[in-house]
Amino acid sequence: AHPYSAWASPAGQRLLGTLTRHVEEVG
């Protein structure tokens, strides 16, 4: 279950991970 989150479900965490990778590519 890592990373642990008080708000996002596992599906929500996966979408956040996708968004984070996109942020790193676009400025």
All heavy atoms as atom14 arrays in JSON, in Angstrom:
{
  "sequence": "AHPYSAWASPAGQRLLGTLTRHVEEVG",
  "atom14_mask": [
    [1, 1, 1, 1, 1, 0, 0, 0, 0, 0, 0, 0, 0, 0],
    [1, 1, 1, 1, 1, 1, 1, 1, 1, 1, 0, 0, 0, 0],
    [1, 1, 1, 1, 1, 1, 1, 0, 0, 0, 0, 0, 0, 0],
    [1, 1, 1, 1, 1, 1, 1, 1, 1, 1, 1, 1, 0, 0],
    [1, 1, 1, 1, 1, 1, 0, 0, 0, 0, 0, 0, 0, 0],
    [1, 1, 1, 1, 1, 0, 0, 0, 0, 0, 0, 0, 0, 0],
    [1, 1, 1, 1, 1, 1, 1, 1, 1, 1, 1, 1, 1, 1],
    [1, 1, 1, 1, 1, 0, 0, 0, 0, 0, 0, 0, 0, 0],
    [1, 1, 1, 1, 1, 1, 0, 0, 0, 0, 0, 0, 0, 0],
    [1, 1, 1, 1, 1, 1, 1, 0, 0, 0, 0, 0, 0, 0],
    [1, 1, 1, 1, 1, 0, 0, 0, 0, 0, 0, 0, 0, 0],
    [1, 1, 1, 1, 0, 0, 0, 0, 0, 0, 0, 0, 0, 0],
    [1, 1, 1, 1, 1, 1, 1, 1, 1, 0, 0, 0, 0, 0],
    [1, 1, 1, 1, 1, 1, 1, 1, 1, 1, 1, 0, 0, 0],
    [1, 1, 1, 1, 1, 1, 1, 1, 0, 0, 0, 0, 0, 0],
    [1, 1, 1, 1, 1, 1, 1, 1, 0, 0, 0, 0, 0, 0],
    [1, 1, 1, 1, 0, 0, 0, 0, 0, 0, 0, 0, 0, 0],
    [1, 1, 1, 1, 1, 1, 1, 0, 0, 0, 0, 0, 0, 0],
    [1, 1, 1, 1, 1, 1, 1, 1, 0, 0, 0, 0, 0, 0],
    [1, 1, 1, 1, 1, 1, 1, 0, 0, 0, 0, 0, 0, 0],
    [1, 1, 1, 1, 1, 1, 1, 1, 1, 1, 1, 0, 0, 0],
    [1, 1, 1, 1, 1, 1, 1, 1, 1, 1, 0, 0, 0, 0],
    [1, 1, 1, 1, 1, 1, 1, 0, 0, 0, 0, 0, 0, 0],
    [1, 1, 1, 1, 1, 1, 1, 1, 1, 0, 0, 0, 0, 0],
    [1, 1, 1, 1, 1, 1, 1, 1, 1, 0, 0, 0, 0, 0],
    [1, 1, 1, 1, 1, 1, 1, 0, 0, 0, 0, 0, 0, 0],
    [1, 1, 1, 1, 0, 0, 0, 0, 0, 0, 0, 0, 0, 0]
  ],
  "atom14_positions": [
    [[0.8, -1.23, 0.0], [0.0, 0.0, 0.0], [0.82, 1.27, 0.0], [0.26, 2.36, 0.1], [-0.94, 0.01, 1.22], [0.0, 0.0, 0.0], [0.0, 0.0, 0.0], [0.0, 0.0, 0.0], [0.0, 0.0, 0.0], [0.0, 0.0, 0.0], [0.0, 0.0, 0.0], [0.0, 0.0, 0.0], [0.0, 0.0, 0.0], [0.0, 0.0, 0.0]],
    [[2.14, 1.21, -0.08], [2.95, 2.42, -0.08], [2.91, 3.08, -1.46], [2.92, 2.38, -2.46], [4.39, 2.06, 0.29], [5.23, 3.25, 0.64], [5.99, 3.92, -0.28], [5.42, 3.88, 1.82], [6.62, 4.91, 0.31], [6.29, 4.92, 1.59], [0.0, 0.0, 0.0], [0.0, 0.0, 0.0], [0.0, 0.0, 0.0], [0.0, 0.0, 0.0]],
    [[2.84, 4.41, -1.59], [2.85, 5.4, -0.52], [1.5, 5.53, 0.16], [0.47, 5.35, -0.48], [3.21, 6.7, -1.26], [2.66, 6.49, -2.64], [2.84, 5.02, -2.94], [0.0, 0.0, 0.0], [0.0, 0.0, 0.0], [0.0, 0.0, 0.0], [0.0, 0.0, 0.0], [0.0, 0.0, 0.0], [0.0, 0.0, 0.0], [0.0, 0.0, 0.0]],
    [[1.52, 5.83, 1.45], [0.29, 5.95, 2.22], [-0.34, 7.32, 1.99], [0.35, 8.31, 1.81], [0.59, 5.76, 3.71], [1.51, 4.61, 4.0], [2.69, 4.81, 4.72], [1.23, 3.33, 3.54], [3.55, 3.76, 4.98], [2.08, 2.27, 3.8], [3.25, 2.49, 4.52], [4.1, 1.46, 4.77], [0.0, 0.0, 0.0], [0.0, 0.0, 0.0]],
    [[-1.64, 7.37, 1.97], [-2.35, 8.63, 1.74], [-3.58, 8.69, 2.62], [-4.28, 7.7, 2.78], [-2.76, 8.76, 0.26], [-3.57, 9.9, 0.07], [0.0, 0.0, 0.0], [0.0, 0.0, 0.0], [0.0, 0.0, 0.0], [0.0, 0.0, 0.0], [0.0, 0.0, 0.0], [0.0, 0.0, 0.0], [0.0, 0.0, 0.0], [0.0, 0.0, 0.0]],
    [[-3.83, 9.88, 3.17], [-5.02, 10.08, 3.98], [-6.23, 10.46, 3.13], [-7.34, 10.51, 3.64], [-4.76, 11.17, 5.03], [0.0, 0.0, 0.0], [0.0, 0.0, 0.0], [0.0, 0.0, 0.0], [0.0, 0.0, 0.0], [0.0, 0.0, 0.0], [0.0, 0.0, 0.0], [0.0, 0.0, 0.0], [0.0, 0.0, 0.0], [0.0, 0.0, 0.0]],
    [[-6.01, 10.73, 1.83], [-7.1, 11.24, 0.99], [-7.33, 10.42, -0.26], [-8.48, 10.2, -0.65], [-6.8, 12.71, 0.6], [-6.59, 13.58, 1.77], [-5.4, 14.01, 2.29], [-7.61, 14.13, 2.63], [-5.61, 14.79, 3.4], [-6.96, 14.88, 3.63], [-9.0, 14.06, 2.64], [-7.65, 15.55, 4.64], [-9.7, 14.73, 3.64], [-9.02, 15.46, 4.61]],
    [[-6.28, 9.99, -0.92], [-6.42, 9.31, -2.21], [-6.51, 7.8, -2.03], [-5.79, 7.21, -1.22], [-5.25, 9.66, -3.11], [0.0, 0.0, 0.0], [0.0, 0.0, 0.0], [0.0, 0.0, 0.0], [0.0, 0.0, 0.0], [0.0, 0.0, 0.0], [0.0, 0.0, 0.0], [0.0, 0.0, 0.0], [0.0, 0.0, 0.0], [0.0, 0.0, 0.0]],
    [[-7.38, 7.17, -2.81], [-7.43, 5.71, -2.88], [-6.23, 5.25, -3.72], [-5.54, 6.07, -4.34], [-8.73, 5.27, -3.54], [-8.73, 5.61, -4.91], [0.0, 0.0, 0.0], [0.0, 0.0, 0.0], [0.0, 0.0, 0.0], [0.0, 0.0, 0.0], [0.0, 0.0, 0.0], [0.0, 0.0, 0.0], [0.0, 0.0, 0.0], [0.0, 0.0, 0.0]],
    [[-5.95, 3.95, -3.79], [-4.86, 3.5, -4.66], [-5.01, 3.96, -6.1], [-4.03, 4.34, -6.74], [-4.94, 1.97, -4.53], [-5.49, 1.74, -3.15], [-6.47, 2.85, -2.94], [0.0, 0.0, 0.0], [0.0, 0.0, 0.0], [0.0, 0.0, 0.0], [0.0, 0.0, 0.0], [0.0, 0.0, 0.0], [0.0, 0.0, 0.0], [0.0, 0.0, 0.0]],
    [[-6.26, 3.95, -6.62], [-6.48, 4.43, -7.99], [-6.16, 5.92, -8.09], [-5.57, 6.39, -9.07], [-7.91, 4.17, -8.41], [0.0, 0.0, 0.0], [0.0, 0.0, 0.0], [0.0, 0.0, 0.0], [0.0, 0.0, 0.0], [0.0, 0.0, 0.0], [0.0, 0.0, 0.0], [0.0, 0.0, 0.0], [0.0, 0.0, 0.0], [0.0, 0.0, 0.0]],
    [[-6.55, 6.68, -7.07], [-6.24, 8.11, -7.06], [-4.75, 8.36, -6.98], [-4.23, 9.28, -7.63], [0.0, 0.0, 0.0], [0.0, 0.0, 0.0], [0.0, 0.0, 0.0], [0.0, 0.0, 0.0], [0.0, 0.0, 0.0], [0.0, 0.0, 0.0], [0.0, 0.0, 0.0], [0.0, 0.0, 0.0], [0.0, 0.0, 0.0], [0.0, 0.0, 0.0]],
    [[-4.03, 7.55, -6.21], [-2.58, 7.7, -6.12], [-1.9, 7.42, -7.45], [-0.92, 8.07, -7.81], [-2.04, 6.77, -5.04], [-2.46, 7.16, -3.62], [-1.86, 6.25, -2.58], [-0.66, 6.04, -2.52], [-2.7, 5.67, -1.75], [0.0, 0.0, 0.0], [0.0, 0.0, 0.0], [0.0, 0.0, 0.0], [0.0, 0.0, 0.0], [0.0, 0.0, 0.0]],
    [[-2.43, 6.44, -8.18], [-1.84, 6.14, -9.49], [-2.02, 7.31, -10.46], [-1.1, 7.65, -11.22], [-2.45, 4.86, -10.07], [-1.97, 3.59, -9.38], [-2.35, 2.37, -10.19], [-3.78, 2.15, -10.21], [-4.44, 1.47, -9.29], [-3.79, 0.92, -8.27], [-5.75, 1.29, -9.38], [0.0, 0.0, 0.0], [0.0, 0.0, 0.0], [0.0, 0.0, 0.0]],
    [[-3.21, 7.93, -10.42], [-3.43, 9.08, -11.29], [-2.54, 10.25, -10.88], [-2.04, 10.99, -11.74], [-4.9, 9.5, -11.23], [-5.89, 8.62, -12.0], [-7.3, 9.13, -11.83], [-5.52, 8.58, -13.48], [0.0, 0.0, 0.0], [0.0, 0.0, 0.0], [0.0, 0.0, 0.0], [0.0, 0.0, 0.0], [0.0, 0.0, 0.0], [0.0, 0.0, 0.0]],
    [[-2.33, 10.42, -9.57], [-1.42, 11.47, -9.11], [0.0, 11.22, -9.6], [0.72, 12.15, -9.96], [-1.44, 11.54, -7.58], [-2.63, 12.27, -6.94], [-2.56, 12.14, -5.42], [-2.66, 13.73, -7.34], [0.0, 0.0, 0.0], [0.0, 0.0, 0.0], [0.0, 0.0, 0.0], [0.0, 0.0, 0.0], [0.0, 0.0, 0.0], [0.0, 0.0, 0.0]],
    [[0.39, 9.95, -9.6], [1.72, 9.61, -10.12], [1.87, 9.96, -11.58], [2.91, 10.49, -12.01], [0.0, 0.0, 0.0], [0.0, 0.0, 0.0], [0.0, 0.0, 0.0], [0.0, 0.0, 0.0], [0.0, 0.0, 0.0], [0.0, 0.0, 0.0], [0.0, 0.0, 0.0], [0.0, 0.0, 0.0], [0.0, 0.0, 0.0], [0.0, 0.0, 0.0]],
    [[0.82, 9.72, -12.36], [0.84, 10.08, -13.78], [0.94, 11.59, -13.95], [1.7, 12.09, -14.79], [-0.42, 9.56, -14.47], [-0.5, 8.14, -14.32], [-0.41, 9.91, -15.95], [0.0, 0.0, 0.0], [0.0, 0.0, 0.0], [0.0, 0.0, 0.0], [0.0, 0.0, 0.0], [0.0, 0.0, 0.0], [0.0, 0.0, 0.0], [0.0, 0.0, 0.0]],
    [[0.18, 12.33, -13.13], [0.21, 13.79, -13.2], [1.59, 14.31, -12.82], [2.12, 15.23, -13.45], [-0.85, 14.38, -12.27], [-0.92, 15.91, -12.21], [-1.32, 16.48, -13.54], [-1.89, 16.35, -11.12], [0.0, 0.0, 0.0], [0.0, 0.0, 0.0], [0.0, 0.0, 0.0], [0.0, 0.0, 0.0], [0.0, 0.0, 0.0], [0.0, 0.0, 0.0]],
    [[2.2, 13.73, -11.8], [3.53, 14.17, -11.35], [4.57, 13.97, -12.44], [5.41, 14.84, -12.68], [3.94, 13.4, -10.09], [2.96, 13.62, -9.06], [5.3, 13.87, -9.59], [0.0, 0.0, 0.0], [0.0, 0.0, 0.0], [0.0, 0.0, 0.0], [0.0, 0.0, 0.0], [0.0, 0.0, 0.0], [0.0, 0.0, 0.0], [0.0, 0.0, 0.0]],
    [[4.51, 12.83, -13.12], [5.47, 12.59, -14.2], [5.28, 13.59, -15.33], [6.25, 14.05, -15.95], [5.32, 11.16, -14.72], [5.84, 10.12, -13.75], [5.92, 8.76, -14.4], [4.6, 8.25, -14.77], [3.84, 7.54, -13.95], [4.25, 7.25, -12.72], [2.65, 7.1, -14.34], [0.0, 0.0, 0.0], [0.0, 0.0, 0.0], [0.0, 0.0, 0.0]],
    [[4.02, 13.95, -15.61], [3.75, 14.94, -16.66], [4.28, 16.31, -16.26], [4.82, 17.05, -17.09], [2.24, 15.02, -16.91], [1.87, 16.04, -17.95], [2.14, 15.9, -19.29], [1.24, 17.25, -17.82], [1.7, 16.95, -19.95], [1.16, 17.79, -19.08], [0.0, 0.0, 0.0], [0.0, 0.0, 0.0], [0.0, 0.0, 0.0], [0.0, 0.0, 0.0]],
    [[4.14, 16.66, -14.97], [4.63, 17.94, -14.49], [6.13, 18.05, -14.67], [6.67, 19.11, -15.01], [4.25, 18.12, -13.0], [5.02, 19.28, -12.38], [2.75, 18.36, -12.87], [0.0, 0.0, 0.0], [0.0, 0.0, 0.0], [0.0, 0.0, 0.0], [0.0, 0.0, 0.0], [0.0, 0.0, 0.0], [0.0, 0.0, 0.0], [0.0, 0.0, 0.0]],
    [[6.84, 16.95, -14.45], [8.29, 16.96, -14.58], [8.73, 17.15, -16.02], [9.85, 17.59, -16.28], [8.86, 15.66, -14.02], [8.65, 15.5, -12.52], [9.08, 14.15, -12.01], [9.36, 13.27, -12.87], [9.13, 13.95, -10.78], [0.0, 0.0, 0.0], [0.0, 0.0, 0.0], [0.0, 0.0, 0.0], [0.0, 0.0, 0.0], [0.0, 0.0, 0.0]],
    [[7.85, 16.84, -16.97], [8.22, 16.94, -18.38], [7.83, 18.28, -18.99], [8.39, 18.67, -20.02], [7.52, 15.81, -19.17], [7.96, 14.41, -18.73], [7.11, 13.33, -19.37], [6.17, 13.69, -20.1], [7.37, 12.14, -19.13], [0.0, 0.0, 0.0], [0.0, 0.0, 0.0], [0.0, 0.0, 0.0], [0.0, 0.0, 0.0], [0.0, 0.0, 0.0]],
    [[6.87, 18.97, -18.4], [6.36, 20.22, -18.97], [6.67, 21.36, -18.0], [6.58, 21.21, -16.8], [4.83, 20.12, -19.21], [4.32, 21.41, -19.84], [4.52, 18.93, -20.1], [0.0, 0.0, 0.0], [0.0, 0.0, 0.0], [0.0, 0.0, 0.0], [0.0, 0.0, 0.0], [0.0, 0.0, 0.0], [0.0, 0.0, 0.0], [0.0, 0.0, 0.0]],
    [[6.99, 22.52, -18.54], [7.37, 23.63, -17.68], [6.46, 24.84, -17.78], [6.91, 25.95, -17.53], [0.0, 0.0, 0.0], [0.0, 0.0, 0.0], [0.0, 0.0, 0.0], [0.0, 0.0, 0.0], [0.0, 0.0, 0.0], [0.0, 0.0, 0.0], [0.0, 0.0, 0.0], [0.0, 0.0, 0.0], [0.0, 0.0, 0.0], [0.0, 0.0, 0.0]]
  ]
}
